[in-house]
Structures are given as structure tokens and as C-alpha cells.
Amino acid sequence: MAGQSGMEIDHPRRGGRRSLQLHVMAAPIESPCRNLCSLDAERRGCTGCGRTLDEIVHWRSMTDAQRAVVMARVQDFEPLRRPAP
């Protein structure tokens, strides 16, 4: 099967050798989060990374294709600067 390799390992509790299948997957798409998290005035999106609230909430469950669409949209997003206290 593509993306898999097999090997045997010793498994002392199970009394012998067992086959172990390793699933080799591509690295997940990184989050665009910049640790500047703050919602805009309308509470629709993050002023730090440009993602919508829905995109932030569902980021981990999105497919790579869905994440790629978001990444393309926010790639040139400039974080809004907060006024100094």
C-alpha cells in the first residue's frame, strides 16, 4: 500500500514479534496564527492572522485543501496594530 512501510518489533508483553505498519503522511499545513490573537470589532475574524472565527474554530478538522484555500487568502494579511497602552 502506498504511503506505508512495515517492520517487525519485539513486543515483550505479547510474547514475541509483531508487525507494525507505519503510515507515512505529508506534513500538515501549518497554521497562519501569529500569536497576535484578537477579534475585530464585529467579532468576525482575527486581526492577527486574518482568519474568520469559523476558520479558527475548525482549523484542526479542515482538510489540507481547505487549509490551502485559507492560507492563500491570508498569505499577505498584515496584522492590525493595537494602540499602545
Protein backbone atom coordinates (compact mmCIF):
# COMPACT_ATOMS: atom_id res chain seq x y z
CA MET A 1 0.00 0.00 0.00
CA ALA A 2 1.34 3.46 -0.91
CA GLY A 3 2.47 5.61 1.97
CA GLN A 4 3.07 2.68 4.29
CA SER A 5 6.08 0.66 5.29
CA GLY A 6 6.13 -2.33 7.56
CA MET A 7 8.57 -3.62 10.12
CA GLU A 8 8.61 -6.11 12.92
CA ILE A 9 9.25 -5.20 16.52
CA ASP A 10 9.75 -7.20 19.70
CA HIS A 11 6.77 -6.93 21.96
CA PRO A 12 7.65 -8.42 25.37
CA ARG A 13 4.14 -8.29 26.84
CA ARG A 14 2.63 -10.09 23.89
CA GLY A 15 5.23 -12.82 23.76
CA GLY A 16 7.04 -12.24 20.53
CA ARG A 17 7.34 -10.26 17.38
CA ARG A 18 4.56 -8.19 15.97
CA SER A 19 4.17 -6.45 12.65
CA LEU A 20 3.99 -2.69 12.82
CA GLN A 21 2.57 -0.64 9.98
CA LEU A 22 3.84 2.91 9.76
CA HIS A 23 1.68 5.40 7.91
CA VAL A 24 3.83 7.99 6.22
CA MET A 25 1.88 11.15 5.61
CA ALA A 26 2.81 14.56 4.29
CA ALA A 27 3.38 17.22 6.90
CA PRO A 28 0.17 19.06 7.75
CA ILE A 29 -0.22 22.64 6.60
CA GLU A 30 0.94 24.99 9.33
CA SER A 31 -1.49 27.38 10.94
CA PRO A 32 -1.28 31.03 9.88
CA CYS A 33 -1.60 32.03 13.55
CA ARG A 34 0.97 34.66 14.55
CA ASN A 35 0.12 34.67 18.27
CA LEU A 36 -1.38 38.16 17.90
CA CYS A 37 -4.87 36.89 18.53
CA SER A 38 -7.63 39.47 18.80
CA LEU A 39 -11.08 39.61 17.26
CA ASP A 40 -12.11 42.57 15.14
CA ALA A 41 -14.87 44.93 16.30
CA GLU A 42 -17.58 42.86 14.56
CA ARG A 43 -16.16 39.65 16.10
CA ARG A 44 -15.93 38.07 12.65
CA GLY A 45 -12.21 37.48 12.35
CA CYS A 46 -8.77 37.68 13.86
CA THR A 47 -6.83 40.93 13.47
CA GLY A 48 -3.57 38.99 13.89
CA CYS A 49 -3.84 36.37 11.12
CA GLY A 50 -6.88 37.33 9.05
CA ARG A 51 -8.83 34.11 9.51
CA THR A 52 -12.54 34.15 10.21
CA LEU A 53 -13.78 32.91 13.55
CA ASP A 54 -15.20 29.83 11.79
CA GLU A 55 -11.83 29.07 10.17
CA ILE A 56 -10.06 29.36 13.53
CA VAL A 57 -12.54 27.09 15.30
CA HIS A 58 -12.48 24.41 12.60
CA TRP A 59 -8.78 24.59 11.58
CA ARG A 60 -7.85 21.18 13.00
CA SER A 61 -10.73 19.40 11.30
CA MET A 62 -10.27 21.06 7.89
CA THR A 63 -8.78 19.11 5.01
CA ASP A 64 -5.42 20.14 3.58
CA ALA A 65 -7.26 21.52 0.53
CA GLN A 66 -9.49 23.68 2.74
CA ARG A 67 -6.48 24.90 4.72
CA ALA A 68 -4.63 25.73 1.50
CA VAL A 69 -7.53 27.95 0.41
CA VAL A 70 -7.40 29.82 3.72
CA MET A 71 -3.59 30.11 3.57
CA ALA A 72 -3.78 31.57 0.05
CA ARG A 73 -6.32 34.15 1.21
CA VAL A 74 -4.37 35.28 4.30
CA GLN A 75 -0.80 34.99 2.99
CA ASP A 76 -0.43 38.75 2.51
CA PHE A 77 -2.56 39.75 5.51
CA GLU A 78 -0.97 42.49 7.60
CA PRO A 79 -1.86 42.28 11.29
CA LEU A 80 -3.67 45.30 12.67
CA ARG A 81 -1.55 47.11 15.21
CA ARG A 82 -3.03 47.64 18.63
CA PRO A 83 -2.66 51.11 20.12
CA ALA A 84 -0.03 51.31 22.86
CA PRO A 85 -1.50 51.47 26.40
